[in-house]
Amino acid sequence: MGGQMAKNALVLCTVMLLSSCAAQQAQQPQIVRWSKPGADQTEFMRDRYACLQDTPHRLAAGTLVFNEGVFMGCMGARGYQTSADGSLAVPRGSEIYLAN
């Protein structure tokens, strides 16, 4: 009986540790760079805000998580594309969490 309890405790600790690591990874959003011919930072932030207003979101672990497909579609409809060398990005600390 004691051996089974020890195994259960080990499994529980392992699951908790893995869950903690996954939660930490999910809580670190990446900075996405964008490009749009002729757009400046002010226009980008205004368009981003409008898209966020139109994007469904949910509260998960105290964090707002926005629907990735809707947000990316909205930005695309406004002429933005993600680009590794894009000149438009949100200031650090203004990142959002996206999920489907």
N, C-alpha and C. Protein backbone atom coordinates (compact mmCIF):
# COMPACT_ATOMS: atom_id res chain seq x y z
N MET A 1 0.82 -1.19 0.00
CA MET A 1 0.00 0.00 0.00
C MET A 1 0.86 1.25 0.00
N GLY A 2 1.94 1.27 0.80
CA GLY A 2 2.81 2.42 0.87
C GLY A 2 3.50 2.70 -0.45
N GLY A 3 3.85 1.62 -1.17
CA GLY A 3 4.50 1.79 -2.47
C GLY A 3 3.59 2.45 -3.49
N GLN A 4 2.32 2.09 -3.48
CA GLN A 4 1.35 2.69 -4.40
C GLN A 4 1.15 4.17 -4.09
N MET A 5 1.10 4.52 -2.80
CA MET A 5 0.94 5.93 -2.42
C MET A 5 2.16 6.74 -2.87
N ALA A 6 3.34 6.16 -2.75
CA ALA A 6 4.55 6.85 -3.19
C ALA A 6 4.53 7.07 -4.70
N LYS A 7 4.06 6.06 -5.45
CA LYS A 7 3.96 6.21 -6.90
C LYS A 7 2.95 7.30 -7.26
N ASN A 8 1.81 7.30 -6.58
CA ASN A 8 0.80 8.33 -6.85
C ASN A 8 1.33 9.72 -6.54
N ALA A 9 2.06 9.86 -5.45
CA ALA A 9 2.64 11.15 -5.08
C ALA A 9 3.65 11.59 -6.13
N LEU A 10 4.47 10.66 -6.63
CA LEU A 10 5.46 10.98 -7.65
C LEU A 10 4.78 11.43 -8.95
N VAL A 11 3.74 10.72 -9.34
CA VAL A 11 2.99 11.09 -10.55
C VAL A 11 2.37 12.47 -10.38
N LEU A 12 1.78 12.73 -9.23
CA LEU A 12 1.16 14.02 -8.97
C LEU A 12 2.19 15.14 -9.02
N CYS A 13 3.34 14.94 -8.41
CA CYS A 13 4.40 15.97 -8.43
C CYS A 13 4.89 16.22 -9.85
N THR A 14 5.05 15.15 -10.62
CA THR A 14 5.50 15.29 -12.01
C THR A 14 4.49 16.08 -12.84
N VAL A 15 3.21 15.77 -12.68
CA VAL A 15 2.16 16.48 -13.42
C VAL A 15 2.15 17.95 -13.02
N MET A 16 2.28 18.24 -11.74
CA MET A 16 2.28 19.63 -11.28
C MET A 16 3.48 20.39 -11.83
N LEU A 17 4.65 19.75 -11.85
CA LEU A 17 5.84 20.39 -12.37
C LEU A 17 5.69 20.69 -13.86
N LEU A 18 5.20 19.72 -14.63
CA LEU A 18 5.01 19.93 -16.07
C LEU A 18 3.96 21.00 -16.33
N SER A 19 2.90 21.02 -15.54
CA SER A 19 1.87 22.04 -15.71
C SER A 19 2.43 23.42 -15.42
N SER A 20 3.26 23.52 -14.42
CA SER A 20 3.87 24.80 -14.06
C SER A 20 4.76 25.29 -15.19
N CYS A 21 5.55 24.41 -15.78
CA CYS A 21 6.43 24.79 -16.89
C CYS A 21 5.61 25.24 -18.09
N ALA A 22 4.54 24.50 -18.40
CA ALA A 22 3.69 24.86 -19.54
C ALA A 22 3.03 26.20 -19.31
N ALA A 23 2.57 26.46 -18.09
CA ALA A 23 1.93 27.73 -17.78
C ALA A 23 2.91 28.88 -17.93
N GLN A 24 4.16 28.68 -17.50
CA GLN A 24 5.15 29.74 -17.62
C GLN A 24 5.44 30.03 -19.09
N GLN A 25 5.53 29.01 -19.93
CA GLN A 25 5.76 29.23 -21.36
C GLN A 25 4.59 29.97 -21.98
N ALA A 26 3.37 29.62 -21.63
CA ALA A 26 2.20 30.25 -22.22
C ALA A 26 2.08 31.70 -21.79
N GLN A 27 2.68 32.06 -20.65
CA GLN A 27 2.56 33.40 -20.14
C GLN A 27 3.63 34.34 -20.68
N GLN A 28 4.45 33.88 -21.59
CA GLN A 28 5.49 34.72 -22.15
C GLN A 28 5.21 34.96 -23.63
N PRO A 29 4.39 35.99 -23.93
CA PRO A 29 4.06 36.23 -25.34
C PRO A 29 5.27 36.72 -26.11
N GLN A 30 5.29 36.41 -27.38
CA GLN A 30 6.37 36.86 -28.23
C GLN A 30 5.99 38.19 -28.86
N ILE A 31 7.01 39.00 -29.11
CA ILE A 31 6.79 40.24 -29.84
C ILE A 31 6.66 39.89 -31.31
N VAL A 32 5.52 40.23 -31.88
CA VAL A 32 5.29 39.99 -33.31
C VAL A 32 5.56 41.29 -34.04
N ARG A 33 6.36 41.21 -35.07
CA ARG A 33 6.67 42.39 -35.88
C ARG A 33 5.75 42.37 -37.10
N TRP A 34 5.33 43.55 -37.50
CA TRP A 34 4.38 43.71 -38.59
C TRP A 34 4.93 44.66 -39.64
N SER A 35 4.38 44.54 -40.83
CA SER A 35 4.69 45.51 -41.88
C SER A 35 3.42 45.86 -42.64
N LYS A 36 3.39 47.09 -43.10
CA LYS A 36 2.31 47.57 -43.96
C LYS A 36 2.87 48.78 -44.68
N PRO A 37 2.89 48.75 -46.00
CA PRO A 37 3.44 49.88 -46.74
C PRO A 37 2.76 51.19 -46.34
N GLY A 38 3.56 52.17 -45.98
CA GLY A 38 3.06 53.51 -45.67
C GLY A 38 2.53 53.70 -44.26
N ALA A 39 2.43 52.63 -43.48
CA ALA A 39 1.89 52.75 -42.11
C ALA A 39 2.97 53.20 -41.15
N ASP A 40 2.60 54.05 -40.22
CA ASP A 40 3.53 54.45 -39.16
C ASP A 40 3.07 53.81 -37.84
N GLN A 41 3.84 54.01 -36.80
CA GLN A 41 3.55 53.38 -35.50
C GLN A 41 2.19 53.81 -34.95
N THR A 42 1.83 55.07 -35.12
CA THR A 42 0.55 55.57 -34.60
C THR A 42 -0.62 54.88 -35.29
N GLU A 43 -0.56 54.78 -36.61
CA GLU A 43 -1.63 54.10 -37.35
C GLU A 43 -1.70 52.63 -36.96
N PHE A 44 -0.54 51.99 -36.83
CA PHE A 44 -0.49 50.58 -36.44
C PHE A 44 -1.15 50.37 -35.08
N MET A 45 -0.83 51.19 -34.10
CA MET A 45 -1.40 51.02 -32.76
C MET A 45 -2.91 51.27 -32.77
N ARG A 46 -3.35 52.24 -33.56
CA ARG A 46 -4.79 52.53 -33.68
C ARG A 46 -5.52 51.33 -34.30
N ASP A 47 -4.96 50.78 -35.38
CA ASP A 47 -5.57 49.62 -36.04
C ASP A 47 -5.54 48.39 -35.13
N ARG A 48 -4.45 48.19 -34.43
CA ARG A 48 -4.34 47.07 -33.50
C ARG A 48 -5.40 47.17 -32.41
N TYR A 49 -5.58 48.36 -31.88
CA TYR A 49 -6.59 48.57 -30.84
C TYR A 49 -7.99 48.25 -31.37
N ALA A 50 -8.28 48.71 -32.59
CA ALA A 50 -9.59 48.44 -33.19
C ALA A 50 -9.79 46.93 -33.37
N CYS A 51 -8.75 46.23 -33.80
CA CYS A 51 -8.86 44.78 -33.97
C CYS A 51 -9.06 44.08 -32.63
N LEU A 52 -8.38 44.54 -31.60
CA LEU A 52 -8.56 43.94 -30.27
C LEU A 52 -9.99 44.13 -29.78
N GLN A 53 -10.58 45.27 -30.09
CA GLN A 53 -11.96 45.53 -29.68
C GLN A 53 -12.93 44.56 -30.36
N ASP A 54 -12.60 44.12 -31.57
CA ASP A 54 -13.47 43.24 -32.34
C ASP A 54 -13.15 41.75 -32.16
N THR A 55 -12.12 41.43 -31.37
CA THR A 55 -11.68 40.05 -31.22
C THR A 55 -12.25 39.43 -29.95
N PRO A 56 -12.90 38.26 -30.08
CA PRO A 56 -13.37 37.57 -28.88
C PRO A 56 -12.18 37.23 -27.97
N HIS A 57 -12.41 37.28 -26.69
CA HIS A 57 -11.35 36.95 -25.73
C HIS A 57 -11.96 36.26 -24.52
N ARG A 58 -11.08 35.63 -23.75
CA ARG A 58 -11.50 34.94 -22.53
C ARG A 58 -10.46 35.20 -21.46
N LEU A 59 -10.85 34.97 -20.24
CA LEU A 59 -9.94 35.11 -19.12
C LEU A 59 -9.44 33.72 -18.76
N ALA A 60 -8.13 33.52 -18.77
CA ALA A 60 -7.53 32.24 -18.43
C ALA A 60 -6.39 32.49 -17.45
N ALA A 61 -6.51 31.96 -16.27
CA ALA A 61 -5.48 32.11 -15.24
C ALA A 61 -5.14 33.58 -15.00
N GLY A 62 -6.16 34.42 -15.00
CA GLY A 62 -5.96 35.84 -14.73
C GLY A 62 -5.41 36.64 -15.90
N THR A 63 -5.36 36.05 -17.08
CA THR A 63 -4.80 36.70 -18.26
C THR A 63 -5.84 36.71 -19.38
N LEU A 64 -5.97 37.84 -20.06
CA LEU A 64 -6.85 37.89 -21.22
C LEU A 64 -6.17 37.17 -22.39
N VAL A 65 -6.90 36.26 -23.01
CA VAL A 65 -6.40 35.52 -24.16
C VAL A 65 -7.33 35.81 -25.32
N PHE A 66 -6.78 36.34 -26.40
CA PHE A 66 -7.56 36.74 -27.57
C PHE A 66 -7.55 35.63 -28.62
N ASN A 67 -8.63 35.54 -29.40
CA ASN A 67 -8.74 34.55 -30.47
C ASN A 67 -7.76 34.91 -31.58
N GLU A 68 -6.80 34.03 -31.79
CA GLU A 68 -5.72 34.29 -32.75
C GLU A 68 -6.24 34.46 -34.18
N GLY A 69 -7.13 33.57 -34.60
CA GLY A 69 -7.62 33.63 -35.98
C GLY A 69 -8.35 34.93 -36.28
N VAL A 70 -9.20 35.36 -35.35
CA VAL A 70 -9.96 36.60 -35.56
C VAL A 70 -9.04 37.80 -35.56
N PHE A 71 -8.11 37.85 -34.60
CA PHE A 71 -7.19 39.00 -34.51
C PHE A 71 -6.30 39.09 -35.75
N MET A 72 -5.70 37.96 -36.13
CA MET A 72 -4.80 37.97 -37.29
C MET A 72 -5.58 38.29 -38.57
N GLY A 73 -6.81 37.79 -38.67
CA GLY A 73 -7.64 38.10 -39.83
C GLY A 73 -7.97 39.58 -39.90
N CYS A 74 -8.27 40.18 -38.76
CA CYS A 74 -8.58 41.61 -38.72
C CYS A 74 -7.37 42.44 -39.15
N MET A 75 -6.20 42.09 -38.61
CA MET A 75 -4.99 42.84 -38.98
C MET A 75 -4.69 42.66 -40.47
N GLY A 76 -4.88 41.45 -40.98
CA GLY A 76 -4.67 41.19 -42.40
C GLY A 76 -5.63 41.98 -43.26
N ALA A 77 -6.88 42.09 -42.83
CA ALA A 77 -7.88 42.85 -43.59
C ALA A 77 -7.52 44.34 -43.63
N ARG A 78 -6.76 44.79 -42.66
CA ARG A 78 -6.32 46.18 -42.62
C ARG A 78 -5.00 46.39 -43.35
N GLY A 79 -4.49 45.33 -43.96
CA GLY A 79 -3.30 45.43 -44.80
C GLY A 79 -1.99 45.09 -44.12
N TYR A 80 -2.03 44.56 -42.89
CA TYR A 80 -0.80 44.22 -42.17
C TYR A 80 -0.41 42.78 -42.41
N GLN A 81 0.89 42.55 -42.42
CA GLN A 81 1.45 41.20 -42.52
C GLN A 81 2.50 41.05 -41.44
N THR A 82 2.59 39.85 -40.86
CA THR A 82 3.68 39.60 -39.92
C THR A 82 4.96 39.49 -40.74
N SER A 83 6.04 40.00 -40.17
CA SER A 83 7.31 40.01 -40.89
C SER A 83 8.45 40.09 -39.88
N ALA A 84 9.40 39.17 -39.99
CA ALA A 84 10.53 39.14 -39.05
C ALA A 84 11.29 40.47 -39.05
N ASP A 85 11.30 41.14 -40.19
CA ASP A 85 12.03 42.43 -40.26
C ASP A 85 11.08 43.62 -40.38
N GLY A 86 9.83 43.42 -39.97
CA GLY A 86 8.85 44.51 -40.00
C GLY A 86 9.23 45.64 -39.06
N SER A 87 8.82 46.84 -39.39
CA SER A 87 9.19 48.01 -38.60
C SER A 87 8.15 48.36 -37.54
N LEU A 88 7.04 47.64 -37.49
CA LEU A 88 5.96 47.96 -36.55
C LEU A 88 5.85 46.87 -35.49
N ALA A 89 5.79 47.29 -34.24
CA ALA A 89 5.64 46.36 -33.13
C ALA A 89 5.13 47.12 -31.92
N VAL A 90 4.47 46.41 -31.01
CA VAL A 90 3.99 47.05 -29.80
C VAL A 90 5.15 47.24 -28.84
N PRO A 91 5.06 48.25 -27.98
CA PRO A 91 6.10 48.44 -26.97
C PRO A 91 6.12 47.25 -26.01
N ARG A 92 7.28 46.92 -25.48
CA ARG A 92 7.40 45.83 -24.53
C ARG A 92 6.46 46.10 -23.35
N GLY A 93 5.76 45.05 -22.94
CA GLY A 93 4.78 45.18 -21.88
C GLY A 93 3.36 45.33 -22.40
N SER A 94 3.22 45.56 -23.71
CA SER A 94 1.89 45.70 -24.33
C SER A 94 1.51 44.48 -25.16
N GLU A 95 2.28 43.41 -25.02
CA GLU A 95 2.02 42.20 -25.78
C GLU A 95 0.66 41.61 -25.37
N ILE A 96 0.09 40.84 -26.26
CA ILE A 96 -1.15 40.15 -25.97
C ILE A 96 -0.95 38.65 -26.09
N TYR A 97 -1.85 37.90 -25.51
CA TYR A 97 -1.83 36.46 -25.58
C TYR A 97 -2.85 36.01 -26.61
N LEU A 98 -2.40 35.18 -27.56
CA LEU A 98 -3.27 34.68 -28.62
C LEU A 98 -3.39 33.17 -28.51
N ALA A 99 -4.59 32.68 -28.75
CA ALA A 99 -4.84 31.23 -28.80
C ALA A 99 -6.08 31.01 -29.65
N ASN A 100 -6.22 29.82 -30.15
CA ASN A 100 -7.42 29.49 -30.94
C ASN A 100 -8.52 29.00 -30.05
